[in-house]
Every structure is written in structure tokens, then in C-alpha cells.
C-alpha atoms as a PDB file:
ATOM      1  CA  UNK A   1      17.750 -47.614   8.015  1.00  0.00           C
ATOM      2  CA  UNK A   2      20.955 -45.085   7.635  1.00  0.00           C
ATOM      3  CA  UNK A   3      20.821 -41.356   6.927  1.00  0.00           C
ATOM      4  CA  UNK A   4      21.458 -40.850   3.678  1.00  0.00           C
ATOM      5  CA  UNK A   5      18.720 -42.470   2.433  1.00  0.00           C
ATOM      6  CA  UNK A   6      16.293 -41.130   5.239  1.00  0.00           C
ATOM      7  CA  UNK A   7      16.880 -38.178   3.154  1.00  0.00           C
ATOM      8  CA  UNK A   8      16.877 -39.613  -0.329  1.00  0.00           C
ATOM      9  CA  UNK A   9      13.694 -40.639   0.578  1.00  0.00           C
ATOM     10  CA  UNK A  10      12.489 -37.794   1.877  1.00  0.00           C
ATOM     11  CA  UNK A  11      13.676 -36.127  -1.376  1.00  0.00           C
ATOM     12  CA  UNK A  12      10.829 -38.242  -2.876  1.00  0.00           C
ATOM     13  CA  UNK A  13       8.876 -38.124  -0.877  1.00  0.00           C
ATOM     14  CA  UNK A  14       8.984 -41.940   0.468  1.00  0.00           C
ATOM     15  CA  UNK A  15       8.640 -41.899   3.951  1.00  0.00           C
ATOM     16  CA  UNK A  16       6.315 -43.983   5.992  1.00  0.00           C
ATOM     17  CA  UNK A  17       5.251 -42.831   8.590  1.00  0.00           C
ATOM     18  CA  UNK A  18       7.519 -44.067  11.265  1.00  0.00           C
ATOM     19  CA  UNK A  19      10.551 -43.415   8.727  1.00  0.00           C
ATOM     20  CA  UNK A  20       9.375 -39.922   8.711  1.00  0.00           C
ATOM     21  CA  UNK A  21       9.414 -39.633  12.672  1.00  0.00           C
ATOM     22  CA  UNK A  22      13.038 -41.087  12.558  1.00  0.00           C
ATOM     23  CA  UNK A  23      14.180 -38.016   9.949  1.00  0.00           C
ATOM     24  CA  UNK A  24      12.496 -35.358  11.985  1.00  0.00           C
ATOM     25  CA  UNK A  25      14.747 -36.882  15.098  1.00  0.00           C
ATOM     26  CA  UNK A  26      17.426 -35.305  13.024  1.00  0.00           C
ATOM     27  CA  UNK A  27      19.212 -32.734  14.682  1.00  0.00           C
ATOM     28  CA  UNK A  28      19.271 -30.151  11.120  1.00  0.00           C
ATOM     29  CA  UNK A  29      15.501 -30.929  10.575  1.00  0.00           C
ATOM     30  CA  UNK A  30      14.410 -27.993  10.234  1.00  0.00           C
ATOM     31  CA  UNK A  31      17.182 -26.348   8.116  1.00  0.00           C
ATOM     32  CA  UNK A  32      15.963 -29.388   5.691  1.00  0.00           C
ATOM     33  CA  UNK A  33      12.907 -28.318   6.142  1.00  0.00           C
ATOM     34  CA  UNK A  34      13.407 -24.739   5.536  1.00  0.00           C
ATOM     35  CA  UNK A  35      15.657 -25.260   2.463  1.00  0.00           C
ATOM     36  CA  UNK A  36      12.615 -27.508   0.982  1.00  0.00           C
ATOM     37  CA  UNK A  37      10.467 -24.736   1.029  1.00  0.00           C
ATOM     38  CA  UNK A  38      12.581 -22.249  -0.242  1.00  0.00           C
ATOM     39  CA  UNK A  39      13.289 -24.213  -3.205  1.00  0.00           C
ATOM     40  CA  UNK A  40       9.592 -25.017  -3.958  1.00  0.00           C
ATOM     41  CA  UNK A  41       8.205 -21.527  -3.385  1.00  0.00           C
ATOM     42  CA  UNK A  42      11.755 -19.686  -5.634  1.00  0.00           C
ATOM     43  CA  UNK A  43      11.480 -21.612  -9.355  1.00  0.00           C
ATOM     44  CA  UNK A  44      14.696 -20.635 -11.581  1.00  0.00           C
ATOM     45  CA  UNK A  45      13.922 -20.931 -15.596  1.00  0.00           C
ATOM     46  CA  UNK A  46      17.021 -22.484 -15.981  1.00  0.00           C
ATOM     47  CA  UNK A  47      18.439 -24.163 -12.221  1.00  0.00           C
ATOM     48  CA  UNK A  48      17.773 -28.015 -12.031  1.00  0.00           C
ATOM     49  CA  UNK A  49      17.350 -28.231  -7.967  1.00  0.00           C
ATOM     50  CA  UNK A  50      16.885 -31.765  -8.454  1.00  0.00           C
ATOM     51  CA  UNK A  51      20.265 -32.321 -10.562  1.00  0.00           C
ATOM     52  CA  UNK A  52      21.634 -29.529  -7.765  1.00  0.00           C
ATOM     53  CA  UNK A  53      20.820 -31.543  -4.631  1.00  0.00           C
ATOM     54  CA  UNK A  54      21.530 -35.744  -6.190  1.00  0.00           C
ATOM     55  CA  UNK A  55      25.268 -33.477  -6.857  1.00  0.00           C
ATOM     56  CA  UNK A  56      24.644 -32.955  -3.380  1.00  0.00           C
ATOM     57  CA  UNK A  57      24.045 -35.812  -1.768  1.00  0.00           C
ATOM     58  CA  UNK A  58      27.115 -37.562  -3.920  1.00  0.00           C
ATOM     59  CA  UNK A  59      29.502 -35.433  -2.571  1.00  0.00           C
ATOM     60  CA  UNK A  60      27.912 -36.523   0.875  1.00  0.00           C
ATOM     61  CA  UNK A  61      28.386 -40.227  -0.662  1.00  0.00           C
ATOM     62  CA  UNK A  62      31.571 -39.577  -1.828  1.00  0.00           C
ATOM     63  CA  UNK A  63      34.373 -42.330  -0.154  1.00  0.00           C
ATOM     64  CA  UNK A  64      36.774 -39.562   0.164  1.00  0.00           C
ATOM     65  CA  UNK A  65      34.343 -37.706   2.773  1.00  0.00           C
ATOM     66  CA  UNK A  66      34.039 -39.254   5.641  1.00  0.00           C
ATOM     67  CA  UNK A  67      31.921 -37.314   8.506  1.00  0.00           C
ATOM     68  CA  UNK A  68      31.263 -38.119  12.146  1.00  0.00           C
ATOM     69  CA  UNK A  69      27.478 -38.956  13.361  1.00  0.00           C
ATOM     70  CA  UNK A  70      27.235 -35.889  14.732  1.00  0.00           C
ATOM     71  CA  UNK A  71      29.090 -33.473  12.355  1.00  0.00           C
ATOM     72  CA  UNK A  72      26.450 -31.342  11.430  1.00  0.00           C
ATOM     73  CA  UNK A  73      27.925 -31.672   7.258  1.00  0.00           C
ATOM     74  CA  UNK A  74      24.591 -30.404   5.476  1.00  0.00           C
ATOM     75  CA  UNK A  75      24.661 -27.591   7.184  1.00  0.00           C
ATOM     76  CA  UNK A  76      27.083 -25.471   4.105  1.00  0.00           C
ATOM     77  CA  UNK A  77      25.405 -27.349   1.930  1.00  0.00           C
ATOM     78  CA  UNK A  78      21.509 -25.453   2.979  1.00  0.00           C
ATOM     79  CA  UNK A  79      22.733 -22.123   3.215  1.00  0.00           C
ATOM     80  CA  UNK A  80      24.531 -22.548  -0.415  1.00  0.00           C
ATOM     81  CA  UNK A  81      21.526 -23.635  -1.598  1.00  0.00           C
ATOM     82  CA  UNK A  82      19.838 -21.661  -0.002  1.00  0.00           C
ATOM     83  CA  UNK A  83      21.832 -18.232  -1.390  1.00  0.00           C
ATOM     84  CA  UNK A  84      21.290 -19.770  -4.553  1.00  0.00           C
ATOM     85  CA  UNK A  85      17.237 -20.750  -4.699  1.00  0.00           C
ATOM     86  CA  UNK A  86      16.723 -17.540  -3.906  1.00  0.00           C
ATOM     87  CA  UNK A  87      18.927 -15.211  -6.477  1.00  0.00           C
ATOM     88  CA  UNK A  88      17.570 -17.049  -8.661  1.00  0.00           C
ATOM     89  CA  UNK A  89      13.951 -16.131  -7.472  1.00  0.00           C
ATOM     90  CA  UNK A  90      15.317 -12.569  -7.097  1.00  0.00           C
ATOM     91  CA  UNK A  91      16.468 -13.114 -11.556  1.00  0.00           C
ATOM     92  CA  UNK A  92      12.877 -14.658 -12.360  1.00  0.00           C
ATOM     93  CA  UNK A  93      10.554 -12.311 -10.683  1.00  0.00           C
ATOM     94  CA  UNK A  94      12.165  -9.948 -12.625  1.00  0.00           C
ATOM     95  CA  UNK A  95      12.922 -11.105 -15.538  1.00  0.00           C
ATOM     96  CA  UNK A  96       9.422 -12.962 -16.168  1.00  0.00           C
ATOM     97  CA  UNK A  97       6.807 -11.501 -14.369  1.00  0.00           C
ATOM     98  CA  UNK A  98       4.268  -9.117 -16.101  1.00  0.00           C
ATOM     99  CA  UNK A  99       3.834  -5.732 -15.646  1.00  0.00           C
ATOM    100  CA  UNK A 100      -0.159  -4.144 -14.446  1.00  0.00           C
ATOM    101  CA  UNK A 101      -1.713  -1.030 -14.202  1.00  0.00           C
ATOM    102  CA  UNK A 102      -5.448  -0.532 -13.029  1.00  0.00           C
ATOM    103  CA  UNK A 103      -7.412   2.486 -12.492  1.00  0.00           C
ATOM    104  CA  UNK A 104      -9.696   2.929 -10.307  1.00  0.00           C
ATOM    105  CA  UNK A 105     -12.914   4.217 -10.960  1.00  0.00           C
ATOM    106  CA  UNK A 106     -13.214   8.101 -11.108  1.00  0.00           C
ATOM    107  CA  UNK A 107      -9.818   7.588 -12.435  1.00  0.00           C
ATOM    108  CA  UNK A 108      -7.694   7.314 -15.968  1.00  0.00           C
ATOM    109  CA  UNK A 109      -4.120   7.582 -16.541  1.00  0.00           C
ATOM    110  CA  UNK A 110      -1.775   7.686 -19.375  1.00  0.00           C
ATOM    111  CA  UNK A 111       1.743   4.851 -19.886  1.00  0.00           C
ATOM    112  CA  UNK A 112       4.191   5.199 -21.997  1.00  0.00           C
ATOM    113  CA  UNK A 113       5.482   0.804 -22.835  1.00  0.00           C
ATOM    114  CA  UNK A 114       9.342  -0.020 -23.448  1.00  0.00           C
ATOM    115  CA  UNK A 115       9.006   0.989 -27.489  1.00  0.00           C
ATOM    116  CA  UNK A 116       7.574   4.764 -27.295  1.00  0.00           C
ATOM    117  CA  UNK A 117       3.935   3.259 -27.249  1.00  0.00           C
ATOM    118  CA  UNK A 118       1.747   5.953 -25.332  1.00  0.00           C
ATOM    119  CA  UNK A 119      -1.520   4.281 -23.624  1.00  0.00           C
ATOM    120  CA  UNK A 120      -4.619   6.297 -22.272  1.00  0.00           C
ATOM    121  CA  UNK A 121      -6.606   4.027 -19.572  1.00  0.00           C
ATOM    122  CA  UNK A 122      -9.841   4.942 -19.028  1.00  0.00           C
ATOM    123  CA  UNK A 123     -11.907   4.671 -15.133  1.00  0.00           C
ATOM    124  CA  UNK A 124     -11.721   1.178 -14.163  1.00  0.00           C
ATOM    125  CA  UNK A 125      -9.266  -0.589 -16.367  1.00  0.00           C
ATOM    126  CA  UNK A 126      -6.802  -3.244 -16.409  1.00  0.00           C
ATOM    127  CA  UNK A 127      -3.212  -3.472 -18.933  1.00  0.00           C
ATOM    128  CA  UNK A 128      -0.601  -5.306 -18.385  1.00  0.00           C
ATOM    129  CA  UNK A 129       2.309  -6.387 -20.398  1.00  0.00           C
ATOM    130  CA  UNK A 130       6.271  -8.066 -20.136  1.00  0.00           C
ATOM    131  CA  UNK A 131       8.600  -5.136 -20.444  1.00  0.00           C
ATOM    132  CA  UNK A 132      11.949  -8.688 -20.918  1.00  0.00           C
ATOM    133  CA  UNK A 133       9.611 -10.145 -23.465  1.00  0.00           C
ATOM    134  CA  UNK A 134       8.602  -6.766 -25.623  1.00  0.00           C
ATOM    135  CA  UNK A 135      11.710  -6.597 -28.446  1.00  0.00           C
ATOM    136  CA  UNK A 136      10.027  -9.785 -29.946  1.00  0.00           C
ATOM    137  CA  UNK A 137       6.870  -9.656 -28.467  1.00  0.00           C
ATOM    138  CA  UNK A 138       4.509  -6.340 -28.460  1.00  0.00           C
ATOM    139  CA  UNK A 139       1.455  -7.489 -26.899  1.00  0.00           C
ATOM    140  CA  UNK A 140      -0.906  -6.027 -24.367  1.00  0.00           C
ATOM    141  CA  UNK A 141      -4.134  -7.416 -21.800  1.00  0.00           C
ATOM    142  CA  UNK A 142      -6.923  -5.631 -21.685  1.00  0.00           C
ATOM    143  CA  UNK A 143      -9.984  -5.699 -19.608  1.00  0.00           C
ATOM    144  CA  UNK A 144     -11.403  -1.551 -19.881  1.00  0.00           C
ATOM    145  CA  UNK A 145     -11.030   0.901 -22.616  1.00  0.00           C
ATOM    146  CA  UNK A 146      -7.825   2.017 -23.878  1.00  0.00           C
ATOM    147  CA  UNK A 147      -7.109   4.691 -26.645  1.00  0.00           C
ATOM    148  CA  UNK A 148      -3.154   3.141 -27.643  1.00  0.00           C
ATOM    149  CA  UNK A 149      -1.261   5.455 -30.075  1.00  0.00           C
ATOM    150  CA  UNK A 150       1.020   2.640 -31.467  1.00  0.00           C
ATOM    151  CA  UNK A 151       5.201   4.153 -32.407  1.00  0.00           C
ATOM    152  CA  UNK A 152       6.001   2.052 -35.850  1.00  0.00           C
ATOM    153  CA  UNK A 153       7.523  -1.818 -35.692  1.00  0.00           C
ATOM    154  CA  UNK A 154       6.518  -5.088 -35.536  1.00  0.00           C
ATOM    155  CA  UNK A 155       2.703  -6.029 -35.014  1.00  0.00           C
ATOM    156  CA  UNK A 156       1.354  -4.885 -32.264  1.00  0.00           C
ATOM    157  CA  UNK A 157      -1.655  -6.933 -30.606  1.00  0.00           C
ATOM    158  CA  UNK A 158      -4.253  -6.037 -27.936  1.00  0.00           C
ATOM    159  CA  UNK A 159      -5.818  -9.469 -26.346  1.00  0.00           C
ATOM    160  CA  UNK A 160      -9.445  -9.543 -25.210  1.00  0.00           C
ATOM    161  CA  UNK A 161     -11.284 -11.980 -23.754  1.00  0.00           C
ATOM    162  CA  UNK A 162     -13.735 -11.058 -26.922  1.00  0.00           C
ATOM    163  CA  UNK A 163     -10.607 -10.443 -29.183  1.00  0.00           C
ATOM    164  CA  UNK A 164      -7.747  -9.639 -30.432  1.00  0.00           C
ATOM    165  CA  UNK A 165      -7.058  -6.434 -31.845  1.00  0.00           C
ATOM    166  CA  UNK A 166      -3.597  -6.571 -34.499  1.00  0.00           C
ATOM    167  CA  UNK A 167      -1.441  -2.866 -36.205  1.00  0.00           C
ATOM    168  CA  UNK A 168       1.679  -2.323 -36.847  1.00  0.00           C
ATOM    169  CA  UNK A 169       1.674   1.611 -36.271  1.00  0.00           C
ATOM    170  CA  UNK A 170      -1.840   3.396 -35.953  1.00  0.00           C
ATOM    171  CA  UNK A 171      -4.178   5.379 -33.081  1.00  0.00           C
ATOM    172  CA  UNK A 172      -7.462   2.843 -31.952  1.00  0.00           C
ATOM    173  CA  UNK A 173      -9.331   2.529 -29.116  1.00  0.00           C
ATOM    174  CA  UNK A 174     -10.443  -0.041 -27.690  1.00  0.00           C
ATOM    175  CA  UNK A 175     -13.855  -1.371 -24.742  1.00  0.00           C
ATOM    176  CA  UNK A 176     -14.221  -4.483 -23.540  1.00  0.00           C
ATOM    177  CA  UNK A 177     -16.408  -4.816 -20.762  1.00  0.00           C
ATOM    178  CA  UNK A 178     -18.856  -6.515 -19.839  1.00  0.00           C
ATOM    179  CA  UNK A 179     -21.092  -7.827 -22.816  1.00  0.00           C
ATOM    180  CA  UNK A 180     -19.765  -5.422 -24.696  1.00  0.00           C
ATOM    181  CA  UNK A 181     -17.069  -5.313 -27.229  1.00  0.00           C
ATOM    182  CA  UNK A 182     -15.784  -2.517 -29.929  1.00  0.00           C
ATOM    183  CA  UNK A 183     -13.312  -1.209 -31.360  1.00  0.00           C
ATOM    184  CA  UNK A 184     -12.746   1.904 -33.309  1.00  0.00           C
ATOM    185  CA  UNK A 185      -9.799   2.507 -35.982  1.00  0.00           C
ATOM    186  CA  UNK A 186      -8.732   7.027 -35.562  1.00  0.00           C
ATOM    187  CA  UNK A 187      -5.599   6.329 -38.341  1.00  0.00           C
ATOM    188  CA  UNK A 188      -3.741   3.725 -40.263  1.00  0.00           C
ATOM    189  CA  UNK A 189      -5.432   0.403 -40.317  1.00  0.00           C
ATOM    190  CA  UNK A 190      -6.400  -2.162 -37.807  1.00  0.00           C
ATOM    191  CA  UNK A 191      -7.127  -6.071 -37.441  1.00  0.00           C
ATOM    192  CA  UNK A 192      -9.683  -7.857 -35.764  1.00  0.00           C
ATOM    193  CA  UNK A 193      -9.870 -10.839 -34.934  1.00  0.00           C
ATOM    194  CA  UNK A 194     -13.452 -12.201 -33.038  1.00  0.00           C
ATOM    195  CA  UNK A 195     -14.682 -15.748 -33.119  1.00  0.00           C
ATOM    196  CA  UNK A 196     -12.494 -16.970 -35.883  1.00  0.00           C
ATOM    197  CA  UNK A 197     -13.725 -13.900 -38.013  1.00  0.00           C
ATOM    198  CA  UNK A 198     -11.365 -11.287 -39.053  1.00  0.00           C
ATOM    199  CA  UNK A 199     -12.873  -7.806 -39.919  1.00  0.00           C
ATOM    200  CA  UNK A 200     -10.144  -4.490 -41.340  1.00  0.00           C
ATOM    201  CA  UNK A 201     -10.625  -1.582 -39.695  1.00  0.00           C
ATOM    202  CA  UNK A 202      -9.582   1.777 -41.516  1.00  0.00           C
ATOM    203  CA  UNK A 203     -10.228   5.563 -40.210  1.00  0.00           C
ATOM    204  CA  UNK A 204     -13.159   5.987 -39.294  1.00  0.00           C
ATOM    205  CA  UNK A 205     -14.024   2.726 -39.100  1.00  0.00           C
ATOM    206  CA  UNK A 206     -15.722   1.009 -36.358  1.00  0.00           C
ATOM    207  CA  UNK A 207     -16.315  -2.842 -34.448  1.00  0.00           C
ATOM    208  CA  UNK A 208     -19.162  -3.172 -32.218  1.00  0.00           C
ATOM    209  CA  UNK A 209     -20.895  -6.009 -30.554  1.00  0.00           C
ATOM    210  CA  UNK A 210     -23.343  -6.338 -27.260  1.00  0.00           C
ATOM    211  CA  UNK A 211     -24.821  -8.858 -26.535  1.00  0.00           C
ATOM    212  CA  UNK A 212     -23.459 -10.990 -28.761  1.00  0.00           C
ATOM    213  CA  UNK A 213     -25.121  -8.539 -31.760  1.00  0.00           C
ATOM    214  CA  UNK A 214     -23.241  -7.261 -34.322  1.00  0.00           C
ATOM    215  CA  UNK A 215     -23.807  -3.671 -34.121  1.00  0.00           C
ATOM    216  CA  UNK A 216     -23.751  -1.404 -37.291  1.00  0.00           C
ATOM    217  CA  UNK A 217     -21.812   2.152 -36.477  1.00  0.00           C
ATOM    218  CA  UNK A 218     -21.737   5.937 -38.869  1.00  0.00           C
ATOM    219  CA  UNK A 219     -18.214   6.415 -39.525  1.00  0.00           C
ATOM    220  CA  UNK A 220     -16.799   8.381 -36.594  1.00  0.00           C
ATOM    221  CA  UNK A 221     -15.567  11.484 -37.063  1.00  0.00           C
ATOM    222  CA  UNK A 222     -13.395  12.715 -34.745  1.00  0.00           C
ATOM    223  CA  UNK A 223      -9.608  12.090 -34.355  1.00  0.00           C
ATOM    224  CA  UNK A 224      -9.580  11.048 -30.837  1.00  0.00           C
ATOM    225  CA  UNK A 225     -12.524   9.390 -28.080  1.00  0.00           C
ATOM    226  CA  UNK A 226     -14.490  11.967 -26.309  1.00  0.00           C
ATOM    227  CA  UNK A 227     -13.957   9.818 -22.472  1.00  0.00           C
ATOM    228  CA  UNK A 228      -9.907  11.638 -23.787  1.00  0.00           C
ATOM    229  CA  UNK A 229     -11.173  15.094 -22.810  1.00  0.00           C
ATOM    230  CA  UNK A 230     -13.123  14.331 -19.598  1.00  0.00           C
ATOM    231  CA  UNK A 231     -16.458  13.336 -21.942  1.00  0.00           C
ATOM    232  CA  UNK A 232     -18.441  10.277 -22.796  1.00  0.00           C
ATOM    233  CA  UNK A 233     -20.224  10.605 -25.726  1.00  0.00           C
ATOM    234  CA  UNK A 234     -23.063   7.772 -27.060  1.00  0.00           C
ATOM    235  CA  UNK A 235     -25.104   7.575 -30.561  1.00  0.00           C
ATOM    236  CA  UNK A 236     -28.346   5.192 -30.064  1.00  0.00           C
ATOM    237  CA  UNK A 237     -26.673   2.784 -27.012  1.00  0.00           C
ATOM    238  CA  UNK A 238     -28.565   0.921 -24.669  1.00  0.00           C
ATOM    239  CA  UNK A 239     -29.429   3.399 -21.559  1.00  0.00           C
ATOM    240  CA  UNK A 240     -27.350   0.717 -19.353  1.00  0.00           C
ATOM    241  CA  UNK A 241     -24.207   0.942 -20.180  1.00  0.00           C
ATOM    242  CA  UNK A 242     -24.605   4.660 -20.579  1.00  0.00           C
ATOM    243  CA  UNK A 243     -25.212   4.045 -16.770  1.00  0.00           C
ATOM    244  CA  UNK A 244     -23.098   1.580 -16.565  1.00  0.00           C
ATOM    245  CA  UNK A 245     -19.986   4.252 -17.703  1.00  0.00           C
ATOM    246  CA  UNK A 246     -21.282   6.282 -15.348  1.00  0.00           C
ATOM    247  CA  UNK A 247     -20.706   4.934 -12.217  1.00  0.00           C
ATOM    248  CA  UNK A 248     -17.111   4.168 -13.385  1.00  0.00           C
ATOM    249  CA  UNK A 249     -16.848   8.234 -14.139  1.00  0.00           C
ATOM    250  CA  UNK A 250     -18.289   9.339 -10.400  1.00  0.00           C
ATOM    251  CA  UNK A 251     -17.680   6.475  -8.477  1.00  0.00           C
ATOM    252  CA  UNK A 252     -21.741   5.506  -7.732  1.00  0.00           C
ATOM    253  CA  UNK A 253     -23.825   2.876  -7.860  1.00  0.00           C
ATOM    254  CA  UNK A 254     -27.031   4.118  -9.374  1.00  0.00           C
ATOM    255  CA  UNK A 255     -30.234   2.307  -8.919  1.00  0.00           C
ATOM    256  CA  UNK A 256     -33.318   2.567 -11.828  1.00  0.00           C
ATOM    257  CA  UNK A 257     -36.208   1.990 -11.133  1.00  0.00           C
ATOM    258  CA  UNK A 258     -39.229   1.745 -13.291  1.00  0.00           C
ATOM    259  CA  UNK A 259     -37.872   2.479 -16.270  1.00  0.00           C
ATOM    260  CA  UNK A 260     -36.721   0.722 -19.834  1.00  0.00           C
ATOM    261  CA  UNK A 261     -32.411   0.308 -19.191  1.00  0.00           C
ATOM    262  CA  UNK A 262     -32.806  -1.426 -22.841  1.00  0.00           C
ATOM    263  CA  UNK A 263     -33.759   2.675 -23.866  1.00  0.00           C
ATOM    264  CA  UNK A 264     -31.212   3.943 -26.005  1.00  0.00           C
ATOM    265  CA  UNK A 265     -29.935   6.759 -25.655  1.00  0.00           C
ATOM    266  CA  UNK A 266     -28.003   9.844 -27.918  1.00  0.00           C
ATOM    267  CA  UNK A 267     -26.213  12.864 -25.862  1.00  0.00           C
ATOM    268  CA  UNK A 268     -23.269  12.707 -23.467  1.00  0.00           C
ATOM    269  CA  UNK A 269     -21.682  14.058 -20.456  1.00  0.00           C
ATOM    270  CA  UNK A 270     -19.216  15.531 -18.685  1.00  0.00           C
ATOM    271  CA  UNK A 271     -16.260  13.616 -16.321  1.00  0.00           C
ATOM    272  CA  UNK A 272     -16.024  17.253 -14.328  1.00  0.00           C
ATOM    273  CA  UNK A 273     -19.605  18.190 -12.960  1.00  0.00           C
ATOM    274  CA  UNK A 274     -21.728  15.097 -11.195  1.00  0.00           C
ATOM    275  CA  UNK A 275     -25.301  17.611 -11.221  1.00  0.00           C
ATOM    276  CA  UNK A 276     -24.108  18.739 -14.983  1.00  0.00           C
ATOM    277  CA  UNK A 277     -23.408  15.081 -15.965  1.00  0.00           C
ATOM    278  CA  UNK A 278     -26.615  13.587 -13.846  1.00  0.00           C
ATOM    279  CA  UNK A 279     -29.045  16.058 -15.848  1.00  0.00           C
ATOM    280  CA  UNK A 280     -27.471  15.670 -19.751  1.00  0.00           C
ATOM    281  CA  UNK A 281     -28.465  11.970 -19.755  1.00  0.00           C
ATOM    282  CA  UNK A 282     -31.970  11.991 -17.538  1.00  0.00           C
ATOM    283  CA  UNK A 283     -33.391  14.538 -18.728  1.00  0.00           C
ATOM    284  CA  UNK A 284     -33.455  13.629 -22.362  1.00  0.00           C
ATOM    285  CA  UNK A 285     -35.271  10.768 -21.359  1.00  0.00           C
ATOM    286  CA  UNK A 286     -37.544  12.172 -18.624  1.00  0.00           C
ATOM    287  CA  UNK A 287     -36.237  10.443 -16.196  1.00  0.00           C
ATOM    288  CA  UNK A 288     -36.159  12.201 -12.208  1.00  0.00           C
ATOM    289  CA  UNK A 289     -32.910  11.443 -10.005  1.00  0.00           C
ATOM    290  CA  UNK A 290     -32.459  11.513  -6.129  1.00  0.00           C
ATOM    291  CA  UNK A 291     -29.341  10.752  -4.636  1.00  0.00           C
ATOM    292  CA  UNK A 292     -29.717   8.098  -1.690  1.00  0.00           C
ATOM    293  CA  UNK A 293     -26.636   9.064  -0.219  1.00  0.00           C
ATOM    294  CA  UNK A 294     -23.548  10.000  -1.333  1.00  0.00           C
ATOM    295  CA  UNK A 295     -22.355   7.493  -2.984  1.00  0.00           C
ATOM    296  CA  UNK A 296     -26.140   5.395  -4.643  1.00  0.00           C
ATOM    297  CA  UNK A 297     -28.837   7.765  -6.652  1.00  0.00           C
ATOM    298  CA  UNK A 298     -31.958   5.956  -7.458  1.00  0.00           C
ATOM    299  CA  UNK A 299     -33.635   6.550 -11.542  1.00  0.00           C
ATOM    300  CA  UNK A 300     -37.172   6.534 -11.533  1.00  0.00           C
ATOM    301  CA  UNK A 301     -40.352   7.701 -13.651  1.00  0.00           C
ATOM    302  CA  UNK A 302     -41.959  11.232 -13.269  1.00  0.00           C
END
């Protein structure tokens, strides 16, 4: 079988074992494999690799091009194709990938989005958005908790696994944790889409769903979430969610012994003093705490 036919069948992944062995004996076999790997790894939005290779083959097979069997005719083509692949890959990665911001336990951060909107990200949270598409789609994806100050403009959407929050320009807080989804509107209006249901929130209104159940809440009177000021506040909240937030803010693990984690808790704890914070959440429920080590705390009844 002629060389060009082997190359064509290689491009189409149609070589049988005998033909593959013959193909591997080409002196430029390694260059061909390198080119294939580069073109597979780097995918450009508007570059048709197959068309480019077919064009190269047509040029090689042209009657005007006479190539001696031992001439390494493919090396210049490989170099050019590799440069094109890398160039298009750089364009692809710089224009299509999302920007991701993650916070660790006991860490908070504030970022500015391309339209000057501000996002404060609570501990152990993730936010993602795409800069190149921002002018057309002001969308972010959230896991965890964040407080948004949205600049006026086109529709702004916060997407979570539990629902989508949509606004034009406002201030609101979104908390999305395991089996917990809460949205609080502080300014303007917020549209919450959840399981094909739409709820419009006005300043002070909340949408809260815990373990699949909608929970009614009193009107919010504060101007910003308490966690922005390094304090977590709870009103009639199951104690397990208080424990979860405490673990995130102090990067510790709490082991509750013989206590009812479903009991409701009302109160708050500071993010700046772990001893004071522990007393704030244990004394109201007559719970004792004991440090097993620097990162593990045990809760128990008196």
C-alpha cells in the first residue's frame, strides 16, 4: 500500500494491525503522532482540523509536487500545523474558560465582576462566571453562600443546583448548601425560580427551603447579612445547620454526642473568638463541649 494511503487510513482510524506496523516504520512516525496529540488536545472554536489536513494531503498529492521517497516532506507541514494548533488553543482557553473563585474554611473574599457588580463570598463557597460572555450574559454559578450588590443593567442570574435567582440591579444574599436553599432580598426585587415555581421577593422578603420543605420567615430588618460583619445569626434554625456553619467558619469538625441536632436554635456566634462562639451556641441548649484535639470538638449533654 502506498504511503499516502496509509496516512489517510491513519487519519480515519482505519488501519489494520499489519498496516499499523507498516505505518510505524515511517521515519517521521513520531512527528505524525505528535501532531495528532496536539490537535486532539487543543480544540479551537473556528478551526477545522480535518479540513486543514485534507488540504495538506491534496497539496502533497498534487502532480506539481514530486517528492522523493526519502525526503522528509511532512516535517514543515507538521511544524506549521503544530504552531496553528497551539495558537488556536491559546485563543480558545483565554476566551471560553470560566473564572472560578473558591474560598476555604474560615476564609471570606470580595470580588468585582466585569460590570462593577460586587460579590462577597462566605467560607467554603465557589463562584464561577465567564468574562468573554459577560456583556451578553450576566450569569454566575454559586455553590455555598454569597452576598451580591448588582450594578444596574441587563438581567443578572445566580444559578444554583436548587434554583435560579434573577435580578436587574439590587442587593441580595444567596445560600446554597446541602438540603438548604435561601434567598434574602435587601434592596430592589428578586425573582427566585425553583422547581418551575416563581417567587418575587421585595426588600426584607426571604425564600427558604430546608430538607425539601418551604419555611416561613419573619421580615428581614437588617441591611446586610450578619456574616458580612463576621457573625452568624440564626432564628429558629435546626441545630445541625448551626454546627455546619460553625465548622466552616472555624475550620473544625464537631462530633455531636447524644444531643438532638434537629432542635431549633435562636442566637448568634462570632467568627473571631472560638471560645466565645462555642459558649454562644452551647449554653442556650445546655450542651457541653470538649476539644479532642485542635481541630475536633465533641458536643455532649450534661
